[in-house]
Amino acid sequence: MVTQTRINGKYRNYGNVRITALGATFMGVTKIEYKRTDAIDPVKVVGTTKSVGYTQGDEVCEGSIGLLSETVDAIQAKLPKGKTLQDIPPFPITVSYVDDMGLQVCHVLYGCKFKENGRSAEAGSNNAIVVESPLYIHDIDFAA
C-alpha cells in the first residue's frame, strides 16, 4: 500500500465519496455509516484483579444510510406493488473515493438490507427530507 505524508494538503471529504448499490450510483445519499465490531472480553482468574488475557469472537457488522426522499421514492417505484425497501433482497453497497493524490480507497458492504422505511418532516425547517434507515450488513471488506 502506498502512503504519502500530506502537510497542509487536501484531505478526503464527503465530496469524494461515491456509493453504488442496486445497480446504480446514488447521488441522493446524505450519509452512510458502517462498522465491524468484535466481542473482545477479558479472561479473569481467581487470585488477581487483572485479566490474564482475552477472548475474541462474535463479529457484528452494522450501519445506517441516509437517502433523499426522492431517491427512496425512485427505488420504491421500481419495486412490485405492495413491496417496500425491506423486501429488497440482500445487495452490496460499494463506497469508494479518490483523493487528490490519485489514491483510490474502496469498501464493500455485503448482504445489505434496509431495516426501516419511514419519513420525517419538521415545521420551520427548509432542509430536504431525508430517509434514514439502519442497515443489516452481512460483511464488510475494508480492502476491496
C-alpha atoms as a PDB file:
ATOM      1  CA  MET A   1       0.000   0.000   0.000  1.00  0.00           C
ATOM      2  CA  VAL A   2       1.319   3.393  -0.974  1.00  0.00           C
ATOM      3  CA  THR A   3       1.084   6.058   1.696  1.00  0.00           C
ATOM      4  CA  GLN A   4       2.252   9.596   1.301  1.00  0.00           C
ATOM      5  CA  THR A   5       2.516  12.153   4.057  1.00  0.00           C
ATOM      6  CA  ARG A   6       0.443  15.245   3.495  1.00  0.00           C
ATOM      7  CA  ILE A   7       1.307  18.516   5.063  1.00  0.00           C
ATOM      8  CA  ASN A   8      -1.250  21.272   4.625  1.00  0.00           C
ATOM      9  CA  GLY A   9      -2.807  19.279   1.795  1.00  0.00           C
ATOM     10  CA  LYS A  10      -6.393  18.482   0.885  1.00  0.00           C
ATOM     11  CA  TYR A  11      -7.859  15.527   2.727  1.00  0.00           C
ATOM     12  CA  ARG A  12     -10.795  13.303   1.829  1.00  0.00           C
ATOM     13  CA  ASN A  13     -14.256  14.652   2.448  1.00  0.00           C
ATOM     14  CA  TYR A  14     -17.872  13.916   1.577  1.00  0.00           C
ATOM     15  CA  GLY A  15     -17.362  15.257  -1.953  1.00  0.00           C
ATOM     16  CA  ASN A  16     -15.021  12.375  -2.733  1.00  0.00           C
ATOM     17  CA  VAL A  17     -17.490   9.602  -1.802  1.00  0.00           C
ATOM     18  CA  ARG A  18     -19.384   7.564  -4.412  1.00  0.00           C
ATOM     19  CA  ILE A  19     -21.956   4.976  -3.373  1.00  0.00           C
ATOM     20  CA  THR A  20     -23.086   2.205  -5.700  1.00  0.00           C
ATOM     21  CA  ALA A  21     -25.928  -0.177  -4.876  1.00  0.00           C
ATOM     22  CA  LEU A  22     -28.783  -1.949  -6.645  1.00  0.00           C
ATOM     23  CA  GLY A  23     -27.049  -1.472  -9.995  1.00  0.00           C
ATOM     24  CA  ALA A  24     -26.833   2.336  -9.779  1.00  0.00           C
ATOM     25  CA  THR A  25     -24.607   5.066  -8.399  1.00  0.00           C
ATOM     26  CA  PHE A  26     -26.656   7.098  -5.958  1.00  0.00           C
ATOM     27  CA  MET A  27     -26.306  10.832  -5.885  1.00  0.00           C
ATOM     28  CA  GLY A  28     -29.062  11.128  -3.259  1.00  0.00           C
ATOM     29  CA  VAL A  29     -27.104   9.699  -0.329  1.00  0.00           C
ATOM     30  CA  THR A  30     -26.791  12.199   2.510  1.00  0.00           C
ATOM     31  CA  LYS A  31     -24.778   9.953   4.823  1.00  0.00           C
ATOM     32  CA  ILE A  32     -23.529   6.444   5.290  1.00  0.00           C
ATOM     33  CA  GLU A  33     -22.110   4.868   8.410  1.00  0.00           C
ATOM     34  CA  TYR A  34     -20.758   1.358   8.815  1.00  0.00           C
ATOM     35  CA  LYS A  35     -18.573  -0.558  11.212  1.00  0.00           C
ATOM     36  CA  ARG A  36     -17.497  -4.027  12.217  1.00  0.00           C
ATOM     37  CA  THR A  37     -17.152  -4.811  15.909  1.00  0.00           C
ATOM     38  CA  ASP A  38     -15.751  -7.850  17.679  1.00  0.00           C
ATOM     39  CA  ALA A  39     -16.700  -9.101  21.099  1.00  0.00           C
ATOM     40  CA  ILE A  40     -13.396  -8.869  22.961  1.00  0.00           C
ATOM     41  CA  ASP A  41     -13.671  -9.954  26.566  1.00  0.00           C
ATOM     42  CA  PRO A  42     -11.077 -10.238  29.335  1.00  0.00           C
ATOM     43  CA  VAL A  43     -10.182 -13.622  30.821  1.00  0.00           C
ATOM     44  CA  LYS A  44     -10.106 -13.469  34.615  1.00  0.00           C
ATOM     45  CA  VAL A  45      -8.710 -15.995  37.070  1.00  0.00           C
ATOM     46  CA  VAL A  46      -9.105 -16.377  40.810  1.00  0.00           C
ATOM     47  CA  GLY A  47      -6.487 -14.566  42.848  1.00  0.00           C
ATOM     48  CA  THR A  48      -5.954 -11.495  40.666  1.00  0.00           C
ATOM     49  CA  THR A  49      -7.968  -8.418  39.792  1.00  0.00           C
ATOM     50  CA  LYS A  50      -6.310  -8.059  36.413  1.00  0.00           C
ATOM     51  CA  SER A  51      -7.126 -10.065  33.335  1.00  0.00           C
ATOM     52  CA  VAL A  52      -4.631 -12.646  32.138  1.00  0.00           C
ATOM     53  CA  GLY A  53      -5.682 -12.436  28.504  1.00  0.00           C
ATOM     54  CA  TYR A  54      -8.728 -12.067  26.316  1.00  0.00           C
ATOM     55  CA  THR A  55     -11.126 -13.940  24.070  1.00  0.00           C
ATOM     56  CA  GLN A  56     -12.305 -12.633  20.734  1.00  0.00           C
ATOM     57  CA  GLY A  57     -15.230 -13.580  18.542  1.00  0.00           C
ATOM     58  CA  ASP A  58     -18.847 -12.848  17.649  1.00  0.00           C
ATOM     59  CA  GLU A  59     -18.157 -10.325  14.911  1.00  0.00           C
ATOM     60  CA  VAL A  60     -21.034  -7.965  14.105  1.00  0.00           C
ATOM     61  CA  CYS A  61     -21.371  -5.574  11.170  1.00  0.00           C
ATOM     62  CA  GLU A  62     -23.833  -2.721  11.323  1.00  0.00           C
ATOM     63  CA  GLY A  63     -24.525   0.618   9.744  1.00  0.00           C
ATOM     64  CA  SER A  64     -27.050   3.127   8.528  1.00  0.00           C
ATOM     65  CA  ILE A  65     -27.769   5.137   5.428  1.00  0.00           C
ATOM     66  CA  GLY A  66     -29.489   8.448   4.789  1.00  0.00           C
ATOM     67  CA  LEU A  67     -31.189   8.921   1.410  1.00  0.00           C
ATOM     68  CA  LEU A  68     -33.087  11.862  -0.009  1.00  0.00           C
ATOM     69  CA  SER A  69     -36.794  11.033  -0.086  1.00  0.00           C
ATOM     70  CA  GLU A  70     -36.749  11.414  -3.885  1.00  0.00           C
ATOM     71  CA  THR A  71     -34.115   8.664  -4.094  1.00  0.00           C
ATOM     72  CA  VAL A  72     -36.187   6.365  -1.881  1.00  0.00           C
ATOM     73  CA  ASP A  73     -39.280   7.102  -3.991  1.00  0.00           C
ATOM     74  CA  ALA A  74     -37.339   6.204  -7.168  1.00  0.00           C
ATOM     75  CA  ILE A  75     -36.224   2.899  -5.614  1.00  0.00           C
ATOM     76  CA  GLN A  76     -39.744   2.219  -4.347  1.00  0.00           C
ATOM     77  CA  ALA A  77     -41.178   2.867  -7.847  1.00  0.00           C
ATOM     78  CA  LYS A  78     -39.046   0.021  -9.244  1.00  0.00           C
ATOM     79  CA  LEU A  79     -40.466  -2.497  -6.768  1.00  0.00           C
ATOM     80  CA  PRO A  80     -43.586  -4.585  -7.405  1.00  0.00           C
ATOM     81  CA  LYS A  81     -46.817  -3.223  -5.965  1.00  0.00           C
ATOM     82  CA  GLY A  82     -47.107  -3.940  -2.253  1.00  0.00           C
ATOM     83  CA  LYS A  83     -43.337  -4.323  -1.743  1.00  0.00           C
ATOM     84  CA  THR A  84     -41.170  -1.923   0.243  1.00  0.00           C
ATOM     85  CA  LEU A  85     -37.486  -1.261   0.946  1.00  0.00           C
ATOM     86  CA  GLN A  86     -37.267  -4.105   3.471  1.00  0.00           C
ATOM     87  CA  ASP A  87     -38.410  -6.584   0.774  1.00  0.00           C
ATOM     88  CA  ILE A  88     -35.378  -5.907  -1.444  1.00  0.00           C
ATOM     89  CA  PRO A  89     -33.113  -8.988  -1.483  1.00  0.00           C
ATOM     90  CA  PRO A  90     -29.647  -8.521   0.068  1.00  0.00           C
ATOM     91  CA  PHE A  91     -27.413  -6.303  -2.069  1.00  0.00           C
ATOM     92  CA  PRO A  92     -23.847  -4.979  -1.908  1.00  0.00           C
ATOM     93  CA  ILE A  93     -23.009  -1.322  -1.337  1.00  0.00           C
ATOM     94  CA  THR A  94     -19.687  -0.057  -2.652  1.00  0.00           C
ATOM     95  CA  VAL A  95     -18.249   3.044  -1.017  1.00  0.00           C
ATOM     96  CA  SER A  96     -15.282   4.492  -2.876  1.00  0.00           C
ATOM     97  CA  TYR A  97     -13.336   7.704  -3.062  1.00  0.00           C
ATOM     98  CA  VAL A  98     -10.231   9.018  -4.762  1.00  0.00           C
ATOM     99  CA  ASP A  99      -8.102  11.639  -3.094  1.00  0.00           C
ATOM    100  CA  ASP A 100      -6.069  14.406  -4.741  1.00  0.00           C
ATOM    101  CA  MET A 101      -3.039  12.114  -4.838  1.00  0.00           C
ATOM    102  CA  GLY A 102      -4.984   9.726  -7.084  1.00  0.00           C
ATOM    103  CA  LEU A 103      -5.178   7.000  -4.442  1.00  0.00           C
ATOM    104  CA  GLN A 104      -8.455   5.096  -4.552  1.00  0.00           C
ATOM    105  CA  VAL A 105      -9.992   3.590  -1.451  1.00  0.00           C
ATOM    106  CA  CYS A 106     -12.866   1.151  -1.795  1.00  0.00           C
ATOM    107  CA  HIS A 107     -15.000  -0.573   0.840  1.00  0.00           C
ATOM    108  CA  VAL A 108     -17.695  -3.121   0.004  1.00  0.00           C
ATOM    109  CA  LEU A 109     -20.603  -3.794   2.334  1.00  0.00           C
ATOM    110  CA  TYR A 110     -22.004  -7.233   1.507  1.00  0.00           C
ATOM    111  CA  GLY A 111     -25.505  -8.560   2.107  1.00  0.00           C
ATOM    112  CA  CYS A 112     -27.109  -5.214   2.924  1.00  0.00           C
ATOM    113  CA  LYS A 113     -30.802  -4.870   3.735  1.00  0.00           C
ATOM    114  CA  PHE A 114     -32.833  -1.848   4.734  1.00  0.00           C
ATOM    115  CA  LYS A 115     -34.286  -2.337   8.218  1.00  0.00           C
ATOM    116  CA  GLU A 116     -36.740   0.596   8.182  1.00  0.00           C
ATOM    117  CA  ASN A 117     -38.753   2.760   5.812  1.00  0.00           C
ATOM    118  CA  GLY A 118     -40.271   5.981   7.110  1.00  0.00           C
ATOM    119  CA  ARG A 119     -40.342   9.725   6.663  1.00  0.00           C
ATOM    120  CA  SER A 120     -39.974  12.685   8.968  1.00  0.00           C
ATOM    121  CA  ALA A 121     -40.525  16.379   8.282  1.00  0.00           C
ATOM    122  CA  GLU A 122     -40.301  19.265  10.691  1.00  0.00           C
ATOM    123  CA  ALA A 123     -42.128  22.599  10.754  1.00  0.00           C
ATOM    124  CA  GLY A 124     -39.860  25.583  10.221  1.00  0.00           C
ATOM    125  CA  SER A 125     -37.140  23.551   8.524  1.00  0.00           C
ATOM    126  CA  ASN A 126     -36.108  24.182   4.943  1.00  0.00           C
ATOM    127  CA  ASN A 127     -33.912  21.092   4.884  1.00  0.00           C
ATOM    128  CA  ALA A 128     -34.527  18.381   2.319  1.00  0.00           C
ATOM    129  CA  ILE A 129     -36.493  15.382   3.577  1.00  0.00           C
ATOM    130  CA  VAL A 130     -34.042  12.601   4.374  1.00  0.00           C
ATOM    131  CA  VAL A 131     -34.984   8.974   4.950  1.00  0.00           C
ATOM    132  CA  GLU A 132     -32.602   7.398   7.436  1.00  0.00           C
ATOM    133  CA  SER A 133     -32.570   3.630   7.793  1.00  0.00           C
ATOM    134  CA  PRO A 134     -30.406   1.284   9.812  1.00  0.00           C
ATOM    135  CA  LEU A 135     -28.783  -1.356   7.624  1.00  0.00           C
ATOM    136  CA  TYR A 136     -28.308  -5.045   8.144  1.00  0.00           C
ATOM    137  CA  ILE A 137     -24.780  -5.752   6.824  1.00  0.00           C
ATOM    138  CA  HIS A 138     -23.576  -9.320   6.485  1.00  0.00           C
ATOM    139  CA  ASP A 139     -19.882  -8.483   5.995  1.00  0.00           C
ATOM    140  CA  ILE A 140     -17.556  -5.560   5.225  1.00  0.00           C
ATOM    141  CA  ASP A 141     -14.422  -5.684   3.072  1.00  0.00           C
ATOM    142  CA  PHE A 142     -12.265  -2.718   4.074  1.00  0.00           C
ATOM    143  CA  ALA A 143      -9.610  -3.624   1.489  1.00  0.00           C
ATOM    144  CA  ALA A 144     -11.689  -4.171  -1.649  1.00  0.00           C
END
